[in-house]
Each structure stands twice: as C-alpha cells, then as structure tokens.
Amino acid sequence: MSKQQFKLGDAIAKLAKVLHIPHCPGCEQRRLILNEIQKVGVRETVRRLRAVGFRFSMKGTDKRRSVEDIVKKMEDCCDE
C-alpha cells in the first residue's frame, strides 16, 4: 500500500471552488507548481512562483494576512 501524498495546489483549488472563486490559467499554473512543493522544497517552489509572475507582497502589514485578504487576492487573480 502506498502513502498518498498531500498536494497543496489541489487543496487550495478545492477551497477556492467551495468559495466560488473562478479558476483561471494562472491559477492552474500555480496549482501545478504548489503540487510539487514536497518534491522540490519551499525555496524552489517560491522561485518557480516568482518566475511565472506570482507576487504576494507583505509591505505595509505586520506580516499577518486575514482570510479576507487572501480570498481577495485569489479573486483579483482571475479579474486581470
């Protein structure tokens, strides 16, 4: 019996679907990158996300994000 691997990208995509947030080609690209985090590590995952243009700035905050901030960022992705 093989151990099933947790896929972060799939988990985020399922959550977005439950919240009725659209799924655009950029979202799909990020989903695939995040699914590889256990294989390639956090540093390489961040490098890959930056390479495809994903930015999540923490400027002007105290390094904490609310759920509302995260959902807004996900919604804004598909409006561009």
C-alpha atoms as a PDB file:
ATOM      1  CA  MET A   1       0.000   0.000   0.000  1.00  0.00           C
ATOM      2  CA  SER A   2       1.428   3.403  -0.974  1.00  0.00           C
ATOM      3  CA  LYS A   3       1.083   6.525   1.095  1.00  0.00           C
ATOM      4  CA  GLN A   4      -0.955   9.193  -0.713  1.00  0.00           C
ATOM      5  CA  GLN A   5       0.902  12.482  -0.999  1.00  0.00           C
ATOM      6  CA  PHE A   6      -0.695  15.742   0.167  1.00  0.00           C
ATOM      7  CA  LYS A   7      -0.923  18.193  -2.729  1.00  0.00           C
ATOM      8  CA  LEU A   8      -1.076  21.804  -1.589  1.00  0.00           C
ATOM      9  CA  GLY A   9      -2.144  23.137  -5.003  1.00  0.00           C
ATOM     10  CA  ASP A  10      -5.097  20.752  -5.159  1.00  0.00           C
ATOM     11  CA  ALA A  11      -6.154  21.683  -1.618  1.00  0.00           C
ATOM     12  CA  ILE A  12      -6.119  25.402  -2.449  1.00  0.00           C
ATOM     13  CA  ALA A  13      -8.029  24.779  -5.700  1.00  0.00           C
ATOM     14  CA  LYS A  14     -10.714  22.827  -3.811  1.00  0.00           C
ATOM     15  CA  LEU A  15     -11.033  25.592  -1.232  1.00  0.00           C
ATOM     16  CA  ALA A  16     -11.335  28.204  -4.000  1.00  0.00           C
ATOM     17  CA  LYS A  17     -14.060  26.128  -5.648  1.00  0.00           C
ATOM     18  CA  VAL A  18     -16.014  25.923  -2.375  1.00  0.00           C
ATOM     19  CA  LEU A  19     -15.702  29.722  -2.068  1.00  0.00           C
ATOM     20  CA  HIS A  20     -16.894  30.123  -5.699  1.00  0.00           C
ATOM     21  CA  ILE A  21     -13.629  31.779  -6.774  1.00  0.00           C
ATOM     22  CA  PRO A  22     -13.014  31.326 -10.515  1.00  0.00           C
ATOM     23  CA  HIS A  23     -10.074  29.229 -11.723  1.00  0.00           C
ATOM     24  CA  CYS A  24      -8.065  30.899 -14.498  1.00  0.00           C
ATOM     25  CA  PRO A  25      -4.976  29.642 -16.408  1.00  0.00           C
ATOM     26  CA  GLY A  26      -2.739  31.469 -13.903  1.00  0.00           C
ATOM     27  CA  CYS A  27      -4.457  29.651 -11.033  1.00  0.00           C
ATOM     28  CA  GLU A  28      -3.895  26.339 -12.800  1.00  0.00           C
ATOM     29  CA  GLN A  29      -0.207  27.102 -13.302  1.00  0.00           C
ATOM     30  CA  ARG A  30       0.197  27.920  -9.605  1.00  0.00           C
ATOM     31  CA  ARG A  31      -1.749  24.777  -8.633  1.00  0.00           C
ATOM     32  CA  LEU A  32       0.703  22.610 -10.553  1.00  0.00           C
ATOM     33  CA  ILE A  33       3.726  24.386  -9.034  1.00  0.00           C
ATOM     34  CA  LEU A  34       2.357  24.083  -5.485  1.00  0.00           C
ATOM     35  CA  ASN A  35       1.649  20.378  -6.001  1.00  0.00           C
ATOM     36  CA  GLU A  36       5.414  19.843  -6.391  1.00  0.00           C
ATOM     37  CA  ILE A  37       6.402  21.522  -3.098  1.00  0.00           C
ATOM     38  CA  GLN A  38       7.163  18.218  -1.339  1.00  0.00           C
ATOM     39  CA  LYS A  39       9.451  17.117  -4.174  1.00  0.00           C
ATOM     40  CA  VAL A  40      11.365  20.344  -4.839  1.00  0.00           C
ATOM     41  CA  GLY A  41      11.165  22.175  -1.496  1.00  0.00           C
ATOM     42  CA  VAL A  42       9.934  25.601  -0.430  1.00  0.00           C
ATOM     43  CA  ARG A  43      12.819  27.645  -1.877  1.00  0.00           C
ATOM     44  CA  GLU A  44      12.461  26.136  -5.367  1.00  0.00           C
ATOM     45  CA  THR A  45       8.660  26.450  -5.199  1.00  0.00           C
ATOM     46  CA  VAL A  46       8.941  30.172  -4.391  1.00  0.00           C
ATOM     47  CA  ARG A  47      11.449  30.599  -7.228  1.00  0.00           C
ATOM     48  CA  ARG A  48       9.049  28.898  -9.664  1.00  0.00           C
ATOM     49  CA  LEU A  49       6.097  31.006  -8.482  1.00  0.00           C
ATOM     50  CA  ARG A  50       8.109  34.197  -8.966  1.00  0.00           C
ATOM     51  CA  ALA A  51       9.180  33.020 -12.429  1.00  0.00           C
ATOM     52  CA  VAL A  52       5.530  32.869 -13.527  1.00  0.00           C
ATOM     53  CA  GLY A  53       4.820  36.306 -12.069  1.00  0.00           C
ATOM     54  CA  PHE A  54       3.118  35.444  -8.797  1.00  0.00           C
ATOM     55  CA  ARG A  55       3.663  38.105  -6.148  1.00  0.00           C
ATOM     56  CA  PHE A  56       2.183  38.354  -2.677  1.00  0.00           C
ATOM     57  CA  SER A  57       3.633  41.433  -1.049  1.00  0.00           C
ATOM     58  CA  MET A  58       3.675  41.816   2.702  1.00  0.00           C
ATOM     59  CA  LYS A  59       4.511  45.540   2.512  1.00  0.00           C
ATOM     60  CA  GLY A  60       2.512  47.782   4.800  1.00  0.00           C
ATOM     61  CA  THR A  61       1.378  44.935   7.029  1.00  0.00           C
ATOM     62  CA  ASP A  62       2.530  43.472  10.284  1.00  0.00           C
ATOM     63  CA  LYS A  63       3.316  40.187   8.458  1.00  0.00           C
ATOM     64  CA  ARG A  64      -0.173  38.765   9.025  1.00  0.00           C
ATOM     65  CA  ARG A  65      -2.920  38.248   6.479  1.00  0.00           C
ATOM     66  CA  SER A  66      -6.579  37.815   7.210  1.00  0.00           C
ATOM     67  CA  VAL A  67      -8.687  35.234   5.426  1.00  0.00           C
ATOM     68  CA  GLU A  68     -10.438  38.135   3.691  1.00  0.00           C
ATOM     69  CA  ASP A  69      -7.089  39.417   2.341  1.00  0.00           C
ATOM     70  CA  ILE A  70      -6.220  36.003   0.936  1.00  0.00           C
ATOM     71  CA  VAL A  71      -9.636  35.476  -0.682  1.00  0.00           C
ATOM     72  CA  LYS A  72      -9.475  38.982  -2.232  1.00  0.00           C
ATOM     73  CA  LYS A  73      -6.050  38.188  -3.691  1.00  0.00           C
ATOM     74  CA  MET A  74      -7.390  34.933  -5.174  1.00  0.00           C
ATOM     75  CA  GLU A  75     -10.396  36.749  -6.687  1.00  0.00           C
ATOM     76  CA  ASP A  76      -8.215  39.528  -8.104  1.00  0.00           C
ATOM     77  CA  CYS A  77      -6.071  36.989  -9.958  1.00  0.00           C
ATOM     78  CA  CYS A  78      -8.901  35.983 -12.263  1.00  0.00           C
ATOM     79  CA  ASP A  79     -10.085  39.568 -12.895  1.00  0.00           C
ATOM     80  CA  GLU A  80      -6.893  40.564 -14.721  1.00  0.00           C
END
